[in-house]
PDB file of all heavy atoms in Angstrom:
ATOM      1  N   PRO A   1       7.206   5.649   9.045  1.00  0.00           N
ATOM      2  CA  PRO A   1       6.546   5.705   7.823  1.00  0.00           C
ATOM      3  C   PRO A   1       7.267   5.183   6.639  1.00  0.00           C
ATOM      4  O   PRO A   1       6.698   4.965   5.521  1.00  0.00           O
ATOM      5  CB  PRO A   1       6.255   7.199   7.662  1.00  0.00           C
ATOM      6  CG  PRO A   1       7.291   7.914   8.506  1.00  0.00           C
ATOM      7  CD  PRO A   1       7.576   6.922   9.590  1.00  0.00           C
ATOM      8  N   LYS A   2       8.570   4.926   6.754  1.00  0.00           N
ATOM      9  CA  LYS A   2       9.338   4.290   5.624  1.00  0.00           C
ATOM     10  C   LYS A   2       9.246   2.813   5.520  1.00  0.00           C
ATOM     11  O   LYS A   2       9.634   2.235   4.542  1.00  0.00           O
ATOM     12  CB  LYS A   2      10.822   4.773   5.703  1.00  0.00           C
ATOM     13  CG  LYS A   2      11.113   6.273   5.659  1.00  0.00           C
ATOM     14  CD  LYS A   2      12.529   6.568   5.661  1.00  0.00           C
ATOM     15  CE  LYS A   2      12.759   8.052   5.472  1.00  0.00           C
ATOM     16  NZ  LYS A   2      12.165   8.830   6.502  1.00  0.00           N
ATOM     17  N   GLN A   3       8.735   2.193   6.591  1.00  0.00           N
ATOM     18  CA  GLN A   3       8.636   0.701   6.660  1.00  0.00           C
ATOM     19  C   GLN A   3       7.301   0.199   6.269  1.00  0.00           C
ATOM     20  O   GLN A   3       6.263   0.740   6.745  1.00  0.00           O
ATOM     21  CB  GLN A   3       9.063   0.204   8.094  1.00  0.00           C
ATOM     22  CG  GLN A   3      10.473   0.487   8.330  1.00  0.00           C
ATOM     23  CD  GLN A   3      10.902  -0.218   9.660  1.00  0.00           C
ATOM     24  OE1 GLN A   3      10.395  -1.331   9.975  1.00  0.00           O
ATOM     25  NE2 GLN A   3      11.884   0.286  10.443  1.00  0.00           N
ATOM     26  N   ARG A   4       7.277  -0.852   5.464  1.00  0.00           N
ATOM     27  CA  ARG A   4       6.061  -1.365   4.978  1.00  0.00           C
ATOM     28  C   ARG A   4       5.575  -2.577   5.861  1.00  0.00           C
ATOM     29  O   ARG A   4       4.334  -2.785   5.972  1.00  0.00           O
ATOM     30  CB  ARG A   4       6.081  -1.872   3.576  1.00  0.00           C
ATOM     31  CG  ARG A   4       6.331  -0.760   2.501  1.00  0.00           C
ATOM     32  CD  ARG A   4       6.218  -1.362   1.064  1.00  0.00           C
ATOM     33  NE  ARG A   4       7.440  -2.039   0.715  1.00  0.00           N
ATOM     34  CZ  ARG A   4       8.371  -1.567  -0.038  1.00  0.00           C
ATOM     35  NH1 ARG A   4       8.277  -0.295  -0.553  1.00  0.00           N
ATOM     36  NH2 ARG A   4       9.468  -2.251  -0.315  1.00  0.00           N
ATOM     37  N   THR A   5       6.481  -3.310   6.368  1.00  0.00           N
ATOM     38  CA  THR A   5       6.100  -4.459   7.205  1.00  0.00           C
ATOM     39  C   THR A   5       6.986  -4.467   8.387  1.00  0.00           C
ATOM     40  O   THR A   5       8.077  -3.837   8.488  1.00  0.00           O
ATOM     41  CB  THR A   5       6.271  -5.774   6.403  1.00  0.00           C
ATOM     42  OG1 THR A   5       7.660  -5.828   5.920  1.00  0.00           O
ATOM     43  CG2 THR A   5       5.418  -5.857   5.241  1.00  0.00           C
ATOM     44  N   GLY A   6       6.593  -5.278   9.315  1.00  0.00           N
ATOM     45  CA  GLY A   6       7.439  -5.416  10.603  1.00  0.00           C
ATOM     46  C   GLY A   6       6.744  -4.704  11.716  1.00  0.00           C
ATOM     47  O   GLY A   6       5.802  -3.897  11.517  1.00  0.00           O
ATOM     48  N   ASP A   7       7.237  -4.859  12.936  1.00  0.00           N
ATOM     49  CA  ASP A   7       6.598  -4.382  14.097  1.00  0.00           C
ATOM     50  C   ASP A   7       6.590  -2.794  14.126  1.00  0.00           C
ATOM     51  O   ASP A   7       5.671  -2.227  14.778  1.00  0.00           O
ATOM     52  CB  ASP A   7       7.324  -4.860  15.398  1.00  0.00           C
ATOM     53  CG  ASP A   7       7.060  -6.335  15.596  1.00  0.00           C
ATOM     54  OD1 ASP A   7       6.134  -6.852  15.017  1.00  0.00           O
ATOM     55  OD2 ASP A   7       7.928  -6.979  16.372  1.00  0.00           O
ATOM     56  N   ASN A   8       7.603  -2.160  13.506  1.00  0.00           N
ATOM     57  CA  ASN A   8       7.698  -0.753  13.467  1.00  0.00           C
ATOM     58  C   ASN A   8       7.082  -0.066  12.242  1.00  0.00           C
ATOM     59  O   ASN A   8       7.235   1.105  11.996  1.00  0.00           O
ATOM     60  CB  ASN A   8       9.111  -0.339  13.638  1.00  0.00           C
ATOM     61  CG  ASN A   8       9.695  -0.720  15.058  1.00  0.00           C
ATOM     62  OD1 ASN A   8       9.014  -0.703  15.965  1.00  0.00           O
ATOM     63  ND2 ASN A   8      10.902  -1.073  15.059  1.00  0.00           N
ATOM     64  N   ALA A   9       6.527  -0.907  11.329  1.00  0.00           N
ATOM     65  CA  ALA A   9       5.997  -0.341  10.116  1.00  0.00           C
ATOM     66  C   ALA A   9       4.798   0.530  10.383  1.00  0.00           C
ATOM     67  O   ALA A   9       3.912   0.264  11.148  1.00  0.00           O
ATOM     68  CB  ALA A   9       5.549  -1.470   9.213  1.00  0.00           C
ATOM     69  N   CYS A  10       4.710   1.699   9.700  1.00  0.00           N
ATOM     70  CA  CYS A  10       3.660   2.678   9.910  1.00  0.00           C
ATOM     71  C   CYS A  10       2.405   1.962   9.275  1.00  0.00           C
ATOM     72  O   CYS A  10       2.410   1.538   8.109  1.00  0.00           O
ATOM     73  CB  CYS A  10       3.960   3.928   9.151  1.00  0.00           C
ATOM     74  SG  CYS A  10       2.593   5.083   9.098  1.00  0.00           S
ATOM     75  N   PRO A  11       1.309   1.894  10.065  1.00  0.00           N
ATOM     76  CA  PRO A  11      -0.006   1.314   9.548  1.00  0.00           C
ATOM     77  C   PRO A  11      -0.369   2.053   8.257  1.00  0.00           C
ATOM     78  O   PRO A  11      -0.979   1.392   7.306  1.00  0.00           O
ATOM     79  CB  PRO A  11      -0.969   1.449  10.608  1.00  0.00           C
ATOM     80  CG  PRO A  11      -0.110   1.426  11.919  1.00  0.00           C
ATOM     81  CD  PRO A  11       1.169   2.189  11.534  1.00  0.00           C
ATOM     82  N   TYR A  12      -0.208   3.341   8.128  1.00  0.00           N
ATOM     83  CA  TYR A  12      -0.607   4.003   6.890  1.00  0.00           C
ATOM     84  C   TYR A  12       0.168   3.471   5.764  1.00  0.00           C
ATOM     85  O   TYR A  12      -0.391   3.342   4.607  1.00  0.00           O
ATOM     86  CB  TYR A  12      -0.396   5.498   7.057  1.00  0.00           C
ATOM     87  CG  TYR A  12      -1.506   6.195   7.832  1.00  0.00           C
ATOM     88  CD1 TYR A  12      -1.415   6.339   9.188  1.00  0.00           C
ATOM     89  CD2 TYR A  12      -2.612   6.726   7.191  1.00  0.00           C
ATOM     90  CE1 TYR A  12      -2.488   7.012   9.929  1.00  0.00           C
ATOM     91  CE2 TYR A  12      -3.663   7.392   7.818  1.00  0.00           C
ATOM     92  CZ  TYR A  12      -3.568   7.430   9.194  1.00  0.00           C
ATOM     93  OH  TYR A  12      -4.614   8.095   9.920  1.00  0.00           O
ATOM     94  N   THR A  13       1.477   3.311   5.935  1.00  0.00           N
ATOM     95  CA  THR A  13       2.240   2.817   4.855  1.00  0.00           C
ATOM     96  C   THR A  13       1.875   1.379   4.476  1.00  0.00           C
ATOM     97  O   THR A  13       1.811   0.974   3.259  1.00  0.00           O
ATOM     98  CB  THR A  13       3.792   2.921   5.182  1.00  0.00           C
ATOM     99  OG1 THR A  13       4.043   4.366   5.492  1.00  0.00           O
ATOM    100  CG2 THR A  13       4.650   2.440   4.108  1.00  0.00           C
ATOM    101  N   THR A  14       1.776   0.463   5.479  1.00  0.00           N
ATOM    102  CA  THR A  14       1.319  -0.913   5.196  1.00  0.00           C
ATOM    103  C   THR A  14       0.075  -0.900   4.385  1.00  0.00           C
ATOM    104  O   THR A  14      -0.097  -1.597   3.408  1.00  0.00           O
ATOM    105  CB  THR A  14       1.228  -1.611   6.514  1.00  0.00           C
ATOM    106  OG1 THR A  14       2.427  -1.689   7.184  1.00  0.00           O
ATOM    107  CG2 THR A  14       0.782  -3.088   6.210  1.00  0.00           C
ATOM    108  N   LEU A  15      -0.928  -0.112   4.925  1.00  0.00           N
ATOM    109  CA  LEU A  15      -2.235  -0.180   4.335  1.00  0.00           C
ATOM    110  C   LEU A  15      -2.254   0.521   2.979  1.00  0.00           C
ATOM    111  O   LEU A  15      -3.017   0.088   2.108  1.00  0.00           O
ATOM    112  CB  LEU A  15      -3.295   0.554   5.237  1.00  0.00           C
ATOM    113  CG  LEU A  15      -3.539  -0.175   6.565  1.00  0.00           C
ATOM    114  CD1 LEU A  15      -4.384   0.707   7.473  1.00  0.00           C
ATOM    115  CD2 LEU A  15      -4.230  -1.552   6.340  1.00  0.00           C
ATOM    116  N   TYR A  16      -1.416   1.491   2.703  1.00  0.00           N
ATOM    117  CA  TYR A  16      -1.264   2.064   1.436  1.00  0.00           C
ATOM    118  C   TYR A  16      -0.833   1.033   0.385  1.00  0.00           C
ATOM    119  O   TYR A  16      -1.503   0.897  -0.721  1.00  0.00           O
ATOM    120  CB  TYR A  16      -0.279   3.126   1.466  1.00  0.00           C
ATOM    121  CG  TYR A  16       0.149   3.774   0.078  1.00  0.00           C
ATOM    122  CD1 TYR A  16      -0.713   4.568  -0.666  1.00  0.00           C
ATOM    123  CD2 TYR A  16       1.409   3.406  -0.396  1.00  0.00           C
ATOM    124  CE1 TYR A  16      -0.373   5.023  -1.874  1.00  0.00           C
ATOM    125  CE2 TYR A  16       1.825   3.910  -1.637  1.00  0.00           C
ATOM    126  CZ  TYR A  16       0.903   4.757  -2.360  1.00  0.00           C
ATOM    127  OH  TYR A  16       1.292   5.181  -3.608  1.00  0.00           O
ATOM    128  N   TRP A  17       0.110   0.278   0.640  1.00  0.00           N
ATOM    129  CA  TRP A  17       0.620  -0.671  -0.344  1.00  0.00           C
ATOM    130  C   TRP A  17      -0.372  -1.806  -0.479  1.00  0.00           C
ATOM    131  O   TRP A  17      -0.514  -2.416  -1.619  1.00  0.00           O
ATOM    132  CB  TRP A  17       1.999  -1.263   0.133  1.00  0.00           C
ATOM    133  CG  TRP A  17       3.070  -0.214  -0.101  1.00  0.00           C
ATOM    134  CD1 TRP A  17       3.581   0.574   0.839  1.00  0.00           C
ATOM    135  CD2 TRP A  17       3.708   0.138  -1.281  1.00  0.00           C
ATOM    136  NE1 TRP A  17       4.554   1.471   0.250  1.00  0.00           N
ATOM    137  CE2 TRP A  17       4.593   1.182  -1.010  1.00  0.00           C
ATOM    138  CE3 TRP A  17       3.513  -0.257  -2.661  1.00  0.00           C
ATOM    139  CZ2 TRP A  17       5.354   1.820  -2.028  1.00  0.00           C
ATOM    140  CZ3 TRP A  17       4.378   0.347  -3.618  1.00  0.00           C
ATOM    141  CH2 TRP A  17       5.282   1.351  -3.351  1.00  0.00           C
ATOM    142  N   ALA A  18      -1.134  -2.171   0.654  1.00  0.00           N
ATOM    143  CA  ALA A  18      -2.070  -3.234   0.463  1.00  0.00           C
ATOM    144  C   ALA A  18      -3.336  -2.734  -0.290  1.00  0.00           C
ATOM    145  O   ALA A  18      -3.873  -3.486  -1.022  1.00  0.00           O
ATOM    146  CB  ALA A  18      -2.569  -3.637   1.853  1.00  0.00           C
ATOM    147  N   PHE A  19      -3.581  -1.416  -0.158  1.00  0.00           N
ATOM    148  CA  PHE A  19      -4.688  -0.815  -1.024  1.00  0.00           C
ATOM    149  C   PHE A  19      -4.336  -0.865  -2.508  1.00  0.00           C
ATOM    150  O   PHE A  19      -5.188  -1.199  -3.290  1.00  0.00           O
ATOM    151  CB  PHE A  19      -4.852   0.656  -0.544  1.00  0.00           C
ATOM    152  CG  PHE A  19      -5.824   1.488  -1.340  1.00  0.00           C
ATOM    153  CD1 PHE A  19      -7.161   1.376  -1.081  1.00  0.00           C
ATOM    154  CD2 PHE A  19      -5.415   2.252  -2.343  1.00  0.00           C
ATOM    155  CE1 PHE A  19      -8.111   2.146  -1.828  1.00  0.00           C
ATOM    156  CE2 PHE A  19      -6.304   2.994  -3.160  1.00  0.00           C
ATOM    157  CZ  PHE A  19      -7.590   2.932  -2.815  1.00  0.00           C
ATOM    158  N   LEU A  20      -3.065  -0.554  -2.856  1.00  0.00           N
ATOM    159  CA  LEU A  20      -2.662  -0.660  -4.283  1.00  0.00           C
ATOM    160  C   LEU A  20      -2.732  -2.039  -4.725  1.00  0.00           C
ATOM    161  O   LEU A  20      -3.128  -2.288  -5.887  1.00  0.00           O
ATOM    162  CB  LEU A  20      -1.166  -0.154  -4.367  1.00  0.00           C
ATOM    163  CG  LEU A  20      -0.901   1.324  -3.980  1.00  0.00           C
ATOM    164  CD1 LEU A  20       0.595   1.672  -4.328  1.00  0.00           C
ATOM    165  CD2 LEU A  20      -1.840   2.228  -4.712  1.00  0.00           C
ATOM    166  N   ASP A  21      -2.432  -2.996  -3.923  1.00  0.00           N
ATOM    167  CA  ASP A  21      -2.414  -4.340  -4.286  1.00  0.00           C
ATOM    168  C   ASP A  21      -3.900  -4.815  -4.556  1.00  0.00           C
ATOM    169  O   ASP A  21      -4.225  -5.540  -5.502  1.00  0.00           O
ATOM    170  CB  ASP A  21      -1.761  -5.259  -3.182  1.00  0.00           C
ATOM    171  CG  ASP A  21      -1.599  -6.699  -3.665  1.00  0.00           C
ATOM    172  OD1 ASP A  21      -0.754  -6.904  -4.538  1.00  0.00           O
ATOM    173  OD2 ASP A  21      -2.239  -7.563  -3.112  1.00  0.00           O
ATOM    174  N   ARG A  22      -4.817  -4.453  -3.598  1.00  0.00           N
ATOM    175  CA  ARG A  22      -6.219  -4.823  -3.724  1.00  0.00           C
ATOM    176  C   ARG A  22      -6.797  -4.334  -5.043  1.00  0.00           C
ATOM    177  O   ARG A  22      -7.656  -4.973  -5.597  1.00  0.00           O
ATOM    178  CB  ARG A  22      -7.022  -4.388  -2.559  1.00  0.00           C
ATOM    179  CG  ARG A  22      -6.813  -5.187  -1.367  1.00  0.00           C
ATOM    180  CD  ARG A  22      -7.940  -4.954  -0.293  1.00  0.00           C
ATOM    181  NE  ARG A  22      -8.289  -3.577  -0.039  1.00  0.00           N
ATOM    182  CZ  ARG A  22      -7.673  -2.737   0.799  1.00  0.00           C
ATOM    183  NH1 ARG A  22      -6.616  -3.176   1.482  1.00  0.00           N
ATOM    184  NH2 ARG A  22      -8.038  -1.570   0.998  1.00  0.00           N
ATOM    185  N   HIS A  23      -6.449  -3.125  -5.343  1.00  0.00           N
ATOM    186  CA  HIS A  23      -7.127  -2.396  -6.503  1.00  0.00           C
ATOM    187  C   HIS A  23      -6.219  -2.125  -7.653  1.00  0.00           C
ATOM    188  O   HIS A  23      -6.384  -1.150  -8.403  1.00  0.00           O
ATOM    189  CB  HIS A  23      -7.704  -1.070  -5.953  1.00  0.00           C
ATOM    190  CG  HIS A  23      -8.647  -1.219  -4.777  1.00  0.00           C
ATOM    191  ND1 HIS A  23      -9.892  -1.741  -4.910  1.00  0.00           N
ATOM    192  CD2 HIS A  23      -8.502  -0.926  -3.480  1.00  0.00           C
ATOM    193  CE1 HIS A  23     -10.513  -1.808  -3.737  1.00  0.00           C
ATOM    194  NE2 HIS A  23      -9.678  -1.247  -2.873  1.00  0.00           N
ATOM    195  N   GLU A  24      -5.296  -3.017  -7.863  1.00  0.00           N
ATOM    196  CA  GLU A  24      -4.264  -2.879  -8.863  1.00  0.00           C
ATOM    197  C   GLU A  24      -4.833  -2.654 -10.215  1.00  0.00           C
ATOM    198  O   GLU A  24      -4.426  -1.725 -10.902  1.00  0.00           O
ATOM    199  CB  GLU A  24      -3.343  -4.060  -8.812  1.00  0.00           C
ATOM    200  CG  GLU A  24      -2.200  -4.014  -9.850  1.00  0.00           C
ATOM    201  CD  GLU A  24      -1.269  -5.272  -9.817  1.00  0.00           C
ATOM    202  OE1 GLU A  24      -1.524  -6.138  -8.981  1.00  0.00           O
ATOM    203  OE2 GLU A  24      -0.272  -5.188 -10.560  1.00  0.00           O
ATOM    204  N   ALA A  25      -5.699  -3.482 -10.633  1.00  0.00           N
ATOM    205  CA  ALA A  25      -6.237  -3.389 -12.030  1.00  0.00           C
ATOM    206  C   ALA A  25      -6.929  -2.030 -12.245  1.00  0.00           C
ATOM    207  O   ALA A  25      -6.653  -1.384 -13.313  1.00  0.00           O
ATOM    208  CB  ALA A  25      -7.219  -4.495 -12.262  1.00  0.00           C
ATOM    209  N   GLU A  26      -7.728  -1.567 -11.412  1.00  0.00           N
ATOM    210  CA  GLU A  26      -8.442  -0.313 -11.561  1.00  0.00           C
ATOM    211  C   GLU A  26      -7.490   0.878 -11.526  1.00  0.00           C
ATOM    212  O   GLU A  26      -7.514   1.770 -12.370  1.00  0.00           O
ATOM    213  CB  GLU A  26      -9.536  -0.070 -10.554  1.00  0.00           C
ATOM    214  CG  GLU A  26     -10.183   1.305 -10.642  1.00  0.00           C
ATOM    215  CD  GLU A  26     -11.416   1.398  -9.706  1.00  0.00           C
ATOM    216  OE1 GLU A  26     -11.797   0.420  -9.032  1.00  0.00           O
ATOM    217  OE2 GLU A  26     -11.828   2.555  -9.522  1.00  0.00           O
ATOM    218  N   LEU A  27      -6.500   0.820 -10.653  1.00  0.00           N
ATOM    219  CA  LEU A  27      -5.588   1.934 -10.540  1.00  0.00           C
ATOM    220  C   LEU A  27      -4.600   1.991 -11.725  1.00  0.00           C
ATOM    221  O   LEU A  27      -4.174   3.025 -12.241  1.00  0.00           O
ATOM    222  CB  LEU A  27      -4.859   1.820  -9.242  1.00  0.00           C
ATOM    223  CG  LEU A  27      -5.692   1.898  -8.010  1.00  0.00           C
ATOM    224  CD1 LEU A  27      -4.750   1.640  -6.685  1.00  0.00           C
ATOM    225  CD2 LEU A  27      -6.302   3.296  -7.808  1.00  0.00           C
ATOM    226  N   ALA A  28      -4.185   0.824 -12.219  1.00  0.00           N
ATOM    227  CA  ALA A  28      -3.347   0.738 -13.381  1.00  0.00           C
ATOM    228  C   ALA A  28      -3.922   1.287 -14.681  1.00  0.00           C
ATOM    229  O   ALA A  28      -3.277   1.834 -15.483  1.00  0.00           O
ATOM    230  CB  ALA A  28      -2.884  -0.676 -13.598  1.00  0.00           C
ATOM    231  N   ALA A  29      -5.248   1.290 -14.679  1.00  0.00           N
ATOM    232  CA  ALA A  29      -5.952   1.806 -15.860  1.00  0.00           C
ATOM    233  C   ALA A  29      -6.124   3.259 -16.015  1.00  0.00           C
ATOM    234  O   ALA A  29      -6.468   3.797 -17.015  1.00  0.00           O
ATOM    235  CB  ALA A  29      -7.345   1.101 -15.961  1.00  0.00           C
ATOM    236  N   SER A  30      -5.803   3.910 -14.918  1.00  0.00           N
ATOM    237  CA  SER A  30      -5.966   5.453 -14.859  1.00  0.00           C
ATOM    238  C   SER A  30      -4.611   6.085 -14.945  1.00  0.00           C
ATOM    239  O   SER A  30      -3.702   5.762 -14.267  1.00  0.00           O
ATOM    240  CB  SER A  30      -6.677   5.844 -13.640  1.00  0.00           C
ATOM    241  OG  SER A  30      -6.607   7.256 -13.485  1.00  0.00           O
ATOM    242  N   PRO A  31      -4.476   7.081 -15.884  1.00  0.00           N
ATOM    243  CA  PRO A  31      -3.164   7.823 -15.947  1.00  0.00           C
ATOM    244  C   PRO A  31      -2.816   8.440 -14.656  1.00  0.00           C
ATOM    245  O   PRO A  31      -1.608   8.709 -14.372  1.00  0.00           O
ATOM    246  CB  PRO A  31      -3.388   8.820 -17.032  1.00  0.00           C
ATOM    247  CG  PRO A  31      -4.571   8.246 -17.904  1.00  0.00           C
ATOM    248  CD  PRO A  31      -5.398   7.512 -16.960  1.00  0.00           C
TER     249      PRO A  31
END
């Protein structure tokens, strides 16, 4: 779960950071 990329990266962790990237503008606007 500590790895974002690579063969051993947890899919939840990878997808979490990808989710933030996809929705960056909306998430940045909320405290």
